[in-house]
Amino acid sequence: MYLHSVYKMSSMKHITVMILALGLMGLLGIIVVDEFMMASEMGGEFDEGILALLNNALVGVVGIVAGYVTGNSGKGCTCK
């Protein structure tokens, strides 16, 4: 019974991290596409602030996922 609940909680963590990463990437994609569409309609240039936002957000997503994967890979260690 205990093992089943631990497995269930572990799979919830996987799903939560996946939803977090995919949702943030989707939101950033929508922002960038909208900004490109506005720039092309108005005949103006692409806003550099959006590129900075995209860069910082991508670094954050990579950091979150890398931290999760690194923390999750240490389960097999029997160090004392």
Protein backbone atom coordinates (compact mmCIF):
# COMPACT_ATOMS: atom_id res chain seq x y z
CA MET A 1 0.00 0.00 0.00
CA TYR A 2 2.77 2.44 0.92
CA LEU A 3 4.75 1.68 -2.25
CA HIS A 4 1.70 2.36 -4.40
CA SER A 5 1.13 5.78 -2.80
CA VAL A 6 4.81 6.70 -3.22
CA TYR A 7 4.66 5.73 -6.91
CA LYS A 8 1.44 7.71 -7.35
CA MET A 9 3.01 10.81 -5.78
CA SER A 10 6.13 10.42 -7.91
CA SER A 11 4.10 10.27 -11.10
CA MET A 12 2.20 13.39 -10.01
CA LYS A 13 5.53 15.21 -9.72
CA HIS A 14 6.42 14.15 -13.27
CA ILE A 15 3.10 15.36 -14.58
CA THR A 16 3.33 18.66 -12.69
CA VAL A 17 6.79 19.46 -14.05
CA MET A 18 5.71 18.52 -17.57
CA ILE A 19 2.60 20.73 -17.38
CA LEU A 20 4.67 23.59 -15.97
CA ALA A 21 7.25 23.39 -18.74
CA LEU A 22 4.79 22.87 -21.60
CA GLY A 23 2.41 25.55 -20.35
CA LEU A 24 5.14 28.15 -20.02
CA MET A 25 6.58 27.29 -23.43
CA GLY A 26 3.11 27.53 -24.97
CA LEU A 27 2.46 30.88 -23.36
CA LEU A 28 5.81 32.22 -24.57
CA GLY A 29 5.06 30.95 -28.07
CA ILE A 30 1.73 32.80 -28.09
CA ILE A 31 3.41 36.02 -26.90
CA VAL A 32 6.11 35.84 -29.58
CA VAL A 33 3.67 35.03 -32.40
CA ASP A 34 1.40 37.88 -31.31
CA GLU A 35 4.32 40.29 -31.20
CA PHE A 36 5.48 39.23 -34.67
CA MET A 37 1.94 39.67 -36.03
CA MET A 38 1.64 43.14 -34.50
CA ALA A 39 5.04 44.17 -35.84
CA SER A 40 4.21 42.98 -39.35
CA GLU A 41 0.80 44.71 -39.37
CA MET A 42 2.15 48.01 -38.10
CA GLY A 43 5.25 47.92 -40.28
CA GLY A 44 7.44 48.41 -37.25
CA GLU A 45 10.33 46.55 -35.76
CA PHE A 46 10.18 43.60 -33.41
CA ASP A 47 10.41 44.74 -29.78
CA GLU A 48 13.73 43.79 -28.18
CA GLY A 49 12.04 43.54 -24.77
CA ILE A 50 10.11 40.50 -25.98
CA LEU A 51 13.36 38.82 -27.00
CA ALA A 52 14.81 39.51 -23.55
CA LEU A 53 11.64 38.09 -21.93
CA LEU A 54 11.86 34.99 -24.11
CA ASN A 55 15.55 34.52 -23.32
CA ASN A 56 15.08 34.84 -19.56
CA ALA A 57 12.04 32.59 -19.52
CA LEU A 58 13.79 29.88 -21.52
CA VAL A 59 16.73 29.97 -19.12
CA GLY A 60 14.29 29.64 -16.23
CA VAL A 61 12.45 26.68 -17.78
CA VAL A 62 15.72 24.91 -18.54
CA GLY A 63 16.85 25.54 -14.95
CA ILE A 64 13.63 24.17 -13.46
CA VAL A 65 13.61 21.05 -15.62
CA ALA A 66 17.35 20.45 -15.14
CA GLY A 67 16.98 20.79 -11.37
CA TYR A 68 14.09 18.35 -11.38
CA VAL A 69 15.95 15.81 -13.53
CA THR A 70 19.12 16.14 -11.43
CA GLY A 71 17.23 15.76 -8.18
CA ASN A 72 15.25 12.85 -9.55
CA SER A 73 18.28 10.93 -10.84
CA GLY A 74 19.77 10.52 -7.34
CA LYS A 75 17.17 7.99 -6.20
CA GLY A 76 19.41 5.02 -6.88
CA CYS A 77 22.18 6.24 -4.59
CA THR A 78 22.64 4.25 -1.39
CA CYS A 79 25.33 6.55 -0.01
CA LYS A 80 25.50 7.19 3.73
